[in-house]
Every structure is written in structure tokens, then in C-alpha cells.
Protein backbone atom coordinates (compact mmCIF):
# COMPACT_ATOMS: atom_id res chain seq x y z
CA UNK A 1 0.00 0.00 0.00
CA UNK A 2 1.39 3.37 -0.93
CA UNK A 3 1.05 6.64 0.92
CA UNK A 4 -1.20 7.78 -1.95
CA UNK A 5 -3.63 4.95 -1.11
CA UNK A 6 -3.88 6.21 2.49
CA UNK A 7 -4.28 9.82 1.35
CA UNK A 8 -7.24 8.80 -0.80
CA UNK A 9 -8.80 7.01 2.16
CA UNK A 10 -8.81 3.67 0.37
CA UNK A 11 -9.51 0.72 2.65
CA UNK A 12 -6.27 -0.91 3.67
CA UNK A 13 -5.81 -4.40 5.04
CA UNK A 14 -4.76 -3.72 8.66
CA UNK A 15 -2.15 -6.51 8.49
CA UNK A 16 -0.53 -4.85 5.47
CA UNK A 17 -0.38 -1.56 7.40
CA UNK A 18 1.36 -3.27 10.33
CA UNK A 19 3.75 -5.12 8.02
CA UNK A 20 4.64 -1.88 6.24
CA UNK A 21 5.25 -0.19 9.61
CA UNK A 22 7.47 -3.06 10.77
CA UNK A 23 9.50 -2.87 7.55
CA UNK A 24 9.98 0.88 7.99
CA UNK A 25 10.98 0.45 11.64
CA UNK A 26 13.40 -2.41 10.82
CA UNK A 27 14.91 -0.31 8.01
CA UNK A 28 15.29 2.48 10.61
CA UNK A 29 13.47 4.80 8.24
CA UNK A 30 12.00 6.96 11.00
CA UNK A 31 10.16 9.30 8.64
CA UNK A 32 8.45 6.39 6.87
CA UNK A 33 7.57 4.71 10.19
CA UNK A 34 6.15 7.95 11.61
CA UNK A 35 4.11 8.44 8.43
CA UNK A 36 2.39 5.14 9.27
CA UNK A 37 1.15 6.47 12.62
CA UNK A 38 -2.24 8.13 13.03
CA UNK A 39 -2.15 11.72 14.37
CA UNK A 40 -3.85 10.43 17.57
CA UNK A 41 -1.42 7.48 17.91
CA UNK A 42 -0.75 5.99 21.37
CA UNK A 43 1.93 3.41 22.30
CA UNK A 44 1.26 1.65 25.60
CA UNK A 45 2.88 -1.04 27.66
CA UNK A 46 0.20 -3.43 28.91
CA UNK A 47 -0.67 -2.66 32.52
CA UNK A 48 0.69 0.88 32.37
CA UNK A 49 -1.40 4.03 32.55
CA UNK A 50 1.21 6.00 30.61
CA UNK A 51 1.71 6.09 26.87
CA UNK A 52 3.86 7.61 24.17
CA UNK A 53 2.15 9.74 21.57
CA UNK A 54 3.16 10.12 17.94
CA UNK A 55 5.66 12.92 18.61
CA UNK A 56 7.35 10.90 21.38
CA UNK A 57 7.81 7.96 19.01
CA UNK A 58 10.62 9.94 17.35
CA UNK A 59 12.75 9.23 20.44
CA UNK A 60 11.80 5.55 20.62
CA UNK A 61 12.54 5.07 16.93
CA UNK A 62 15.88 6.85 17.45
CA UNK A 63 16.67 4.47 20.33
CA UNK A 64 15.80 1.50 18.12
CA UNK A 65 17.99 2.84 15.29
CA UNK A 66 21.06 3.20 17.55
CA UNK A 67 20.67 -0.24 19.15
CA UNK A 68 20.04 -1.76 15.69
CA UNK A 69 16.68 -3.19 16.71
CA UNK A 70 14.95 -5.63 14.39
CA UNK A 71 11.51 -7.05 15.14
CA UNK A 72 9.94 -9.96 13.32
CA UNK A 73 6.53 -11.57 13.41
CA UNK A 74 6.26 -15.08 14.77
CA UNK A 75 2.50 -15.03 14.26
CA UNK A 76 0.00 -12.36 13.33
CA UNK A 77 -3.79 -12.34 13.09
CA UNK A 78 -6.33 -9.68 12.20
CA UNK A 79 -9.81 -9.23 13.62
CA UNK A 80 -11.37 -6.26 11.92
CA UNK A 81 -9.13 -3.25 12.51
CA UNK A 82 -7.13 -5.01 15.28
CA UNK A 83 -3.93 -6.89 14.44
CA UNK A 84 -2.24 -8.92 17.13
CA UNK A 85 0.60 -11.35 17.25
CA UNK A 86 3.78 -12.62 18.79
CA UNK A 87 6.95 -10.86 17.75
CA UNK A 88 10.62 -11.35 18.53
CA UNK A 89 13.37 -8.75 18.61
CA UNK A 90 17.12 -8.73 18.31
CA UNK A 91 19.33 -5.73 19.01
CA UNK A 92 22.83 -4.66 20.04
CA UNK A 93 21.84 -3.98 23.65
CA UNK A 94 20.48 -7.51 24.05
CA UNK A 95 23.57 -9.01 22.41
CA UNK A 96 25.84 -7.15 24.85
CA UNK A 97 23.77 -8.57 27.72
CA UNK A 98 24.09 -12.09 26.31
CA UNK A 99 20.47 -12.28 25.12
CA UNK A 100 19.83 -13.58 21.63
CA UNK A 101 16.20 -12.46 21.30
CA UNK A 102 13.20 -11.42 23.33
CA UNK A 103 9.55 -12.09 22.56
CA UNK A 104 6.49 -9.94 23.09
CA UNK A 105 2.85 -9.74 22.17
CA UNK A 106 1.91 -6.70 20.13
CA UNK A 107 -1.58 -5.45 19.41
CA UNK A 108 -2.18 -2.75 16.80
CA UNK A 109 -5.39 -0.87 16.12
CA UNK A 110 -5.59 0.53 12.61
CA UNK A 111 -7.79 3.43 11.51
CA UNK A 112 -7.87 5.07 8.09
CA UNK A 113 -4.88 3.03 6.92
CA UNK A 114 -2.72 4.26 9.84
CA UNK A 115 -1.77 2.77 13.19
CA UNK A 116 -3.88 4.37 15.90
CA UNK A 117 -2.69 2.29 18.88
CA UNK A 118 0.12 -0.13 19.66
CA UNK A 119 0.18 -2.11 22.89
CA UNK A 120 3.10 -4.27 23.98
CA UNK A 121 3.13 -7.11 26.49
CA UNK A 122 6.63 -8.39 27.21
CA UNK A 123 6.98 -12.16 27.37
CA UNK A 124 10.64 -12.30 28.35
CA UNK A 125 10.86 -9.41 30.80
CA UNK A 126 12.17 -11.59 33.66
CA UNK A 127 14.98 -12.96 31.47
CA UNK A 128 15.88 -9.43 30.35
CA UNK A 129 15.92 -8.10 33.92
CA UNK A 130 17.99 -11.08 35.04
CA UNK A 131 20.54 -10.41 32.28
CA UNK A 132 20.55 -6.68 33.10
CA UNK A 133 21.15 -7.19 36.84
CA UNK A 134 24.90 -8.04 36.77
CA UNK A 135 25.57 -5.11 34.48
CA UNK A 136 23.64 -2.67 36.70
CA UNK A 137 25.37 -3.99 39.84
CA UNK A 138 28.73 -3.31 38.21
CA UNK A 139 27.63 0.06 36.76
CA UNK A 140 26.29 1.33 40.10
CA UNK A 141 29.78 0.82 41.54
CA UNK A 142 31.87 1.82 38.51
CA UNK A 143 29.79 4.71 37.13
CA UNK A 144 26.94 5.67 39.52
CA UNK A 145 26.47 9.15 38.02
CA UNK A 146 26.13 7.70 34.54
CA UNK A 147 23.58 5.11 35.74
CA UNK A 148 21.46 7.86 37.32
CA UNK A 149 21.75 9.87 34.11
CA UNK A 150 20.77 7.08 31.71
CA UNK A 151 18.23 5.47 34.02
CA UNK A 152 16.82 8.18 36.32
CA UNK A 153 14.81 6.68 39.20
CA UNK A 154 15.35 3.27 37.59
CA UNK A 155 13.38 4.19 34.46
CA UNK A 156 14.62 3.84 30.90
CA UNK A 157 14.80 7.05 28.89
CA UNK A 158 14.35 6.22 25.22
CA UNK A 159 16.30 8.42 22.81
CA UNK A 160 19.12 7.99 20.34
CA UNK A 161 21.52 9.73 22.73
CA UNK A 162 20.60 7.48 25.65
CA UNK A 163 20.87 4.35 23.52
CA UNK A 164 24.40 5.34 22.56
CA UNK A 165 25.30 5.97 26.19
CA UNK A 166 23.87 2.56 27.22
CA UNK A 167 25.92 0.81 24.54
CA UNK A 168 29.07 2.71 25.54
CA UNK A 169 28.64 1.75 29.20
CA UNK A 170 27.86 -1.86 28.26
CA UNK A 171 31.05 -1.95 26.16
CA UNK A 172 33.02 -0.66 29.16
CA UNK A 173 31.44 -3.37 31.37
CA UNK A 174 32.39 -6.06 28.88
CA UNK A 175 35.95 -4.71 28.58
CA UNK A 176 36.42 -4.53 32.36
CA UNK A 177 34.61 -7.69 33.47
CA UNK A 178 34.25 -9.95 30.47
CA UNK A 179 30.52 -9.21 30.40
CA UNK A 180 27.79 -11.82 30.53
CA UNK A 181 30.04 -14.62 29.32
CA UNK A 182 32.55 -14.18 32.15
CA UNK A 183 32.97 -17.10 34.53
CA UNK A 184 31.53 -15.76 37.80
CA UNK A 185 32.70 -18.91 39.63
CA UNK A 186 36.30 -17.83 39.21
CA UNK A 187 35.91 -14.77 41.48
């Protein structure tokens, strides 16, 4: 489906809209991905009251670009204007933590050929937090000011700048400790 099809208001298969968005996001073509989002777009994490709106997605897409995020559909189904499925992601941050992939459930609501809502439910959050823990323990000792800066009050700040700072600190951790593959029994 082309942008011209959306501009004319032609009916679009919601799955095709989601697939086009995923391709744009995986290509790190932020302008193309943003063009796929409805003006009233909302991105939510399941169980959270907060959300990111369309303008805030610029920062999340920038984060994804820097960490070289790629998301792929394991399964996807459409029910009217709602598309849901299981997706998996790879990225440089995960690789540095020793994680090959993570899985999540994504639900998209499509209106007028654009994505109106995206909701994410993490499936592998415990594994991610477990992999993150040794790094954060080290970082809180080695670079406490940087940890507070990149993760104020323990919350991730999604932007291209912060993604670069995370990767830099992860590289330092790996250089100084051997990272996730180090033999902790030898200490």
C-alpha cells in the first residue's frame, strides 16, 4: 500500500499496514515509520497508565535505530481493525547482555490506513531483567552518576543519545569484566 492509497482514504488491510510499519521500523526509516502512525497514535505497555504519543515515538525510533533493533513476526492475526501477534526482537543492547532475542505480544489498532494504537506485552521481561542485573550492579559501583543519568529513578529514557550511552557503558562493562560470558565462579 502506498502513501497515496492512504491519502485517498482507500480501505487498507490492517495486516498490510502493520507489516509496512514493521519494515519501515526495521529499516530504521524513521520518517516512513512515523508516516504510518495516526495523528492520535498511542503506544502503551500493557498494565501501564502512561503512553507515548506520535511525537514521542521519534525518540523511541531513534533508540531502536542506535541499538540496531529488528523485530519480526512469529504469528499475526487480524480481527477487523485489530492486528495482534507474537513478535521477537534482536538488538545490540540484548547481544551485549548475552540475550539472543526477546519475545512480546503486540496489538495494533488501525484506523484510516494508519496505526492508531500499539500495545506491547513483554513475554521475556524476567529474562531481560535477570541479564541486566549483573551489568547494573557493576555500573552502580563503577559509574553511579552515569547510571542515574541514563536510568533516572530506575526508568529507561528512550532516545538515540541514551541508547548510545547505554551501549558505551555496556562496552566498558564487557571490557572490564568480560561481560555476561565471564565465569563468575572464578571470582
